Amino acid sequence: MVNNLWSDNDGHAIEGASAYALVEGSVFRNVKATVEKYTGYIYAPQTDDASCQSALGRSCVRNIYEVSPAIVSNNNQPVAKVGRGAASAQQPTTIGNFGNTAGNTL
């Protein structure tokens, strides 16, 4: 999951079972729970992470948490699973600057 913006969410952003999730370059703004009911492996760097270089061919890009709990990475296996097929990620400051008209409308 790359370059997502979750904003003003009184529920949760991510849930899943038995999955590998690499979450990077995303912004969580006023999200009550970033992760709920997740039983798989998740890697969500809080700083740019050069240790991803060998698997991805680039550093992992940090996430930003504004009035939201940080995702606690429980394993770095998602980095190896995604490998060189990972999408490129922009810095989250770019994502956080979208206006209120960005994203899905339900």
N, C-alpha and C. Protein backbone atom coordinates (compact mmCIF):
# COMPACT_ATOMS: atom_id res chain seq x y z
N MET A 1 0.86 -1.16 0.00
CA MET A 1 0.00 0.00 0.00
C MET A 1 0.91 1.22 0.00
N VAL A 2 0.84 1.97 -1.06
CA VAL A 2 1.77 3.07 -1.24
C VAL A 2 1.02 4.38 -1.45
N ASN A 3 1.47 5.43 -0.77
CA ASN A 3 0.97 6.79 -0.97
C ASN A 3 -0.54 6.90 -0.82
N ASN A 4 -1.03 6.47 0.31
CA ASN A 4 -2.45 6.61 0.64
C ASN A 4 -2.64 7.73 1.64
N LEU A 5 -3.82 8.31 1.63
CA LEU A 5 -4.19 9.33 2.60
C LEU A 5 -5.45 8.88 3.31
N TRP A 6 -5.33 8.64 4.61
CA TRP A 6 -6.49 8.34 5.45
C TRP A 6 -6.70 9.56 6.31
N SER A 7 -7.90 10.13 6.30
CA SER A 7 -8.14 11.37 7.02
C SER A 7 -9.52 11.36 7.68
N ASP A 8 -9.55 11.84 8.92
CA ASP A 8 -10.81 11.99 9.67
C ASP A 8 -11.63 10.70 9.65
N ASN A 9 -11.02 9.64 10.12
CA ASN A 9 -11.64 8.32 10.13
C ASN A 9 -11.84 7.91 11.59
N ASP A 10 -13.08 7.76 12.02
CA ASP A 10 -13.31 7.38 13.41
C ASP A 10 -13.37 5.86 13.59
N GLY A 11 -13.07 5.14 12.52
CA GLY A 11 -12.97 3.68 12.58
C GLY A 11 -11.52 3.26 12.49
N HIS A 12 -11.22 2.36 11.55
CA HIS A 12 -9.84 1.92 11.35
C HIS A 12 -9.49 2.00 9.87
N ALA A 13 -8.19 2.03 9.59
CA ALA A 13 -7.72 2.16 8.21
C ALA A 13 -7.41 0.80 7.59
N ILE A 14 -6.76 -0.08 8.32
CA ILE A 14 -6.26 -1.33 7.75
C ILE A 14 -6.69 -2.51 8.61
N GLU A 15 -7.15 -3.58 7.95
CA GLU A 15 -7.39 -4.84 8.63
C GLU A 15 -7.11 -5.96 7.64
N GLY A 16 -6.87 -7.15 8.14
CA GLY A 16 -6.62 -8.26 7.24
C GLY A 16 -6.13 -9.48 7.98
N ALA A 17 -6.12 -10.58 7.29
CA ALA A 17 -5.69 -11.84 7.88
C ALA A 17 -4.73 -12.54 6.93
N SER A 18 -3.70 -13.10 7.50
CA SER A 18 -2.74 -13.92 6.76
C SER A 18 -2.20 -13.23 5.51
N ALA A 19 -1.94 -11.94 5.60
CA ALA A 19 -1.45 -11.19 4.44
C ALA A 19 -0.11 -10.55 4.78
N TYR A 20 0.64 -10.22 3.74
CA TYR A 20 1.87 -9.46 3.88
C TYR A 20 1.57 -8.04 3.41
N ALA A 21 1.78 -7.07 4.26
CA ALA A 21 1.48 -5.68 3.90
C ALA A 21 2.71 -4.80 4.09
N LEU A 22 3.08 -4.13 3.01
CA LEU A 22 4.12 -3.11 3.06
C LEU A 22 3.39 -1.79 2.90
N VAL A 23 3.38 -0.98 3.95
CA VAL A 23 2.67 0.30 3.96
C VAL A 23 3.73 1.39 4.00
N GLU A 24 3.78 2.21 2.94
CA GLU A 24 4.81 3.26 2.94
C GLU A 24 4.35 4.50 2.19
N GLY A 25 4.95 5.62 2.58
CA GLY A 25 4.65 6.89 1.94
C GLY A 25 3.23 7.37 2.15
N SER A 26 2.59 6.90 3.22
CA SER A 26 1.19 7.22 3.46
C SER A 26 1.03 8.20 4.62
N VAL A 27 -0.14 8.83 4.65
CA VAL A 27 -0.46 9.79 5.71
C VAL A 27 -1.72 9.30 6.42
N PHE A 28 -1.65 9.25 7.73
CA PHE A 28 -2.78 8.90 8.59
C PHE A 28 -3.07 10.15 9.41
N ARG A 29 -4.17 10.80 9.12
CA ARG A 29 -4.53 12.08 9.75
C ARG A 29 -5.87 11.92 10.48
N ASN A 30 -5.83 12.05 11.79
CA ASN A 30 -7.04 11.93 12.61
C ASN A 30 -7.75 10.59 12.36
N VAL A 31 -6.98 9.51 12.45
CA VAL A 31 -7.51 8.16 12.30
C VAL A 31 -7.51 7.51 13.68
N LYS A 32 -8.66 7.06 14.12
CA LYS A 32 -8.79 6.50 15.47
C LYS A 32 -7.91 5.26 15.65
N ALA A 33 -7.97 4.34 14.71
CA ALA A 33 -7.18 3.11 14.77
C ALA A 33 -6.56 2.88 13.40
N THR A 34 -5.25 2.87 13.32
CA THR A 34 -4.61 2.65 12.01
C THR A 34 -4.75 1.19 11.59
N VAL A 35 -4.63 0.27 12.54
CA VAL A 35 -4.72 -1.16 12.24
C VAL A 35 -5.67 -1.82 13.24
N GLU A 36 -6.50 -2.72 12.72
CA GLU A 36 -7.40 -3.47 13.58
C GLU A 36 -7.58 -4.87 12.99
N LYS A 37 -7.59 -5.86 13.84
CA LYS A 37 -7.82 -7.25 13.42
C LYS A 37 -6.87 -7.68 12.31
N TYR A 38 -5.59 -7.34 12.43
CA TYR A 38 -4.61 -7.73 11.42
C TYR A 38 -3.77 -8.87 11.96
N THR A 39 -3.85 -10.02 11.34
CA THR A 39 -3.13 -11.19 11.83
C THR A 39 -1.97 -11.59 10.93
N GLY A 40 -1.72 -10.84 9.88
CA GLY A 40 -0.61 -11.15 8.98
C GLY A 40 0.65 -10.41 9.38
N TYR A 41 1.54 -10.26 8.43
CA TYR A 41 2.79 -9.55 8.64
C TYR A 41 2.66 -8.15 8.05
N ILE A 42 3.08 -7.15 8.81
CA ILE A 42 2.97 -5.77 8.33
C ILE A 42 4.28 -5.04 8.60
N TYR A 43 4.70 -4.28 7.60
CA TYR A 43 5.90 -3.45 7.74
C TYR A 43 5.53 -2.04 7.30
N ALA A 44 5.67 -1.10 8.21
CA ALA A 44 5.29 0.29 7.96
C ALA A 44 6.35 1.21 8.59
N PRO A 45 7.35 1.60 7.82
CA PRO A 45 8.45 2.38 8.40
C PRO A 45 8.01 3.77 8.88
N GLN A 46 8.55 4.16 10.02
CA GLN A 46 8.28 5.49 10.56
C GLN A 46 9.37 6.48 10.18
N THR A 47 10.45 5.97 9.61
CA THR A 47 11.51 6.81 9.05
C THR A 47 11.90 6.18 7.71
N ASP A 48 12.51 6.96 6.82
CA ASP A 48 13.01 6.37 5.58
C ASP A 48 13.99 5.27 5.98
N ASP A 49 13.88 4.13 5.33
CA ASP A 49 14.60 2.94 5.78
C ASP A 49 15.47 2.36 4.68
N ALA A 50 16.77 2.58 4.78
CA ALA A 50 17.72 2.10 3.78
C ALA A 50 17.87 0.59 3.80
N SER A 51 17.41 -0.08 4.86
CA SER A 51 17.55 -1.54 4.91
C SER A 51 16.68 -2.24 3.86
N CYS A 52 15.76 -1.50 3.24
CA CYS A 52 14.92 -2.06 2.17
C CYS A 52 15.66 -2.12 0.83
N GLN A 53 16.80 -1.47 0.75
CA GLN A 53 17.53 -1.31 -0.52
C GLN A 53 17.78 -2.64 -1.24
N SER A 54 18.23 -3.65 -0.53
CA SER A 54 18.57 -4.89 -1.21
C SER A 54 17.34 -5.59 -1.79
N ALA A 55 16.22 -5.52 -1.11
CA ALA A 55 15.01 -6.20 -1.59
C ALA A 55 14.26 -5.38 -2.63
N LEU A 56 14.13 -4.06 -2.41
CA LEU A 56 13.32 -3.22 -3.29
C LEU A 56 14.12 -2.49 -4.36
N GLY A 57 15.42 -2.36 -4.13
CA GLY A 57 16.22 -1.56 -5.04
C GLY A 57 16.12 -0.08 -4.71
N ARG A 58 15.56 0.23 -3.56
CA ARG A 58 15.40 1.61 -3.07
C ARG A 58 15.10 1.54 -1.58
N SER A 59 15.19 2.67 -0.92
CA SER A 59 14.83 2.73 0.50
C SER A 59 13.31 2.68 0.63
N CYS A 60 12.83 2.16 1.75
CA CYS A 60 11.41 2.28 2.07
C CYS A 60 11.14 3.73 2.47
N VAL A 61 9.95 4.20 2.16
CA VAL A 61 9.57 5.58 2.43
C VAL A 61 8.69 5.61 3.69
N ARG A 62 9.00 6.52 4.57
CA ARG A 62 8.30 6.64 5.86
C ARG A 62 6.83 6.99 5.69
N ASN A 63 6.07 6.74 6.72
CA ASN A 63 4.68 7.16 6.82
C ASN A 63 4.59 8.33 7.79
N ILE A 64 3.54 9.10 7.70
CA ILE A 64 3.30 10.22 8.62
C ILE A 64 2.02 9.94 9.41
N TYR A 65 2.09 10.18 10.71
CA TYR A 65 0.94 9.97 11.60
C TYR A 65 0.62 11.29 12.29
N GLU A 66 -0.53 11.84 11.99
CA GLU A 66 -0.99 13.09 12.60
C GLU A 66 -2.23 12.79 13.43
N VAL A 67 -2.12 12.88 14.72
CA VAL A 67 -3.21 12.56 15.65
C VAL A 67 -3.76 11.16 15.33
N SER A 68 -2.86 10.23 15.11
CA SER A 68 -3.19 8.85 14.76
C SER A 68 -2.10 7.95 15.35
N PRO A 69 -2.46 6.77 15.84
CA PRO A 69 -1.43 5.87 16.35
C PRO A 69 -0.57 5.33 15.21
N ALA A 70 0.72 5.26 15.47
CA ALA A 70 1.64 4.71 14.46
C ALA A 70 1.40 3.20 14.31
N ILE A 71 1.56 2.72 13.10
CA ILE A 71 1.48 1.28 12.86
C ILE A 71 2.75 0.66 13.42
N VAL A 72 2.59 -0.38 14.20
CA VAL A 72 3.74 -1.09 14.75
C VAL A 72 4.07 -2.24 13.79
N SER A 73 5.22 -2.15 13.16
CA SER A 73 5.65 -3.22 12.26
C SER A 73 5.90 -4.47 13.09
N ASN A 74 5.41 -5.60 12.61
CA ASN A 74 5.62 -6.84 13.36
C ASN A 74 6.57 -7.80 12.65
N ASN A 75 7.05 -7.41 11.49
CA ASN A 75 7.94 -8.28 10.74
C ASN A 75 8.38 -7.55 9.48
N ASN A 76 9.59 -7.81 8.99
CA ASN A 76 10.01 -7.17 7.74
C ASN A 76 9.86 -8.09 6.54
N GLN A 77 9.19 -9.23 6.69
CA GLN A 77 8.99 -10.15 5.58
C GLN A 77 8.24 -9.53 4.40
N PRO A 78 7.29 -8.61 4.61
CA PRO A 78 6.61 -8.01 3.46
C PRO A 78 7.57 -7.35 2.47
N VAL A 79 8.66 -6.81 2.96
CA VAL A 79 9.63 -6.16 2.07
C VAL A 79 10.21 -7.18 1.10
N ALA A 80 10.61 -8.33 1.60
CA ALA A 80 11.16 -9.38 0.75
C ALA A 80 10.10 -9.97 -0.17
N LYS A 81 8.87 -10.13 0.32
CA LYS A 81 7.79 -10.70 -0.50
C LYS A 81 7.45 -9.80 -1.69
N VAL A 82 7.40 -8.49 -1.46
CA VAL A 82 7.09 -7.55 -2.54
C VAL A 82 8.27 -7.40 -3.47
N GLY A 83 9.45 -7.27 -2.92
CA GLY A 83 10.67 -7.20 -3.69
C GLY A 83 10.69 -6.10 -4.74
N ARG A 84 11.34 -6.36 -5.84
CA ARG A 84 11.52 -5.35 -6.90
C ARG A 84 10.22 -5.00 -7.61
N GLY A 85 9.16 -5.73 -7.33
CA GLY A 85 7.85 -5.43 -7.91
C GLY A 85 7.11 -4.33 -7.17
N ALA A 86 7.70 -3.80 -6.12
CA ALA A 86 7.04 -2.76 -5.33
C ALA A 86 6.87 -1.49 -6.15
N ALA A 87 5.73 -0.86 -5.98
CA ALA A 87 5.49 0.43 -6.63
C ALA A 87 6.43 1.47 -6.05
N SER A 88 6.78 2.47 -6.84
CA SER A 88 7.61 3.55 -6.29
C SER A 88 6.74 4.39 -5.36
N ALA A 89 7.37 4.98 -4.37
CA ALA A 89 6.62 5.75 -3.37
C ALA A 89 7.15 7.18 -3.33
N GLN A 90 6.23 8.12 -3.29
CA GLN A 90 6.58 9.53 -3.09
C GLN A 90 6.68 9.80 -1.60
N GLN A 91 7.35 10.85 -1.23
CA GLN A 91 7.39 11.24 0.17
C GLN A 91 5.97 11.57 0.64
N PRO A 92 5.60 11.22 1.86
CA PRO A 92 4.24 11.42 2.33
C PRO A 92 3.85 12.89 2.46
N THR A 93 4.82 13.79 2.52
CA THR A 93 4.47 15.22 2.59
C THR A 93 3.74 15.64 1.32
N THR A 94 4.05 15.02 0.19
CA THR A 94 3.34 15.29 -1.06
C THR A 94 1.90 14.82 -0.96
N ILE A 95 1.69 13.64 -0.39
CA ILE A 95 0.37 13.06 -0.26
C ILE A 95 -0.48 13.87 0.71
N GLY A 96 0.10 14.32 1.80
CA GLY A 96 -0.63 15.05 2.82
C GLY A 96 -1.10 16.41 2.38
N ASN A 97 -0.60 16.92 1.25
CA ASN A 97 -0.98 18.24 0.76
C ASN A 97 -2.20 18.23 -0.15
N PHE A 98 -2.80 17.04 -0.41
CA PHE A 98 -3.99 17.02 -1.23
C PHE A 98 -5.13 17.72 -0.51
N GLY A 99 -5.98 18.35 -1.26
CA GLY A 99 -7.12 19.06 -0.68
C GLY A 99 -8.26 18.13 -0.34
N ASN A 100 -9.38 18.68 0.08
CA ASN A 100 -10.53 17.89 0.47
C ASN A 100 -11.21 17.18 -0.69
N THR A 101 -10.87 17.51 -1.91
CA THR A 101 -11.52 16.89 -3.07
C THR A 101 -10.78 15.63 -3.55
N ALA A 102 -9.63 15.33 -2.95
CA ALA A 102 -8.87 14.14 -3.37
C ALA A 102 -9.49 12.87 -2.84
N GLY A 103 -9.28 11.77 -3.54
CA GLY A 103 -9.70 10.47 -3.03
C GLY A 103 -11.05 10.02 -3.54
N ASN A 104 -11.52 8.98 -2.91
CA ASN A 104 -12.79 8.37 -3.31
C ASN A 104 -13.96 9.15 -2.76
N THR A 105 -15.05 9.12 -3.48
CA THR A 105 -16.31 9.65 -2.98
C THR A 105 -17.29 8.51 -2.94
N LEU A 106 -17.86 8.27 -1.81
CA LEU A 106 -18.78 7.14 -1.66
C LEU A 106 -20.20 7.62 -1.56
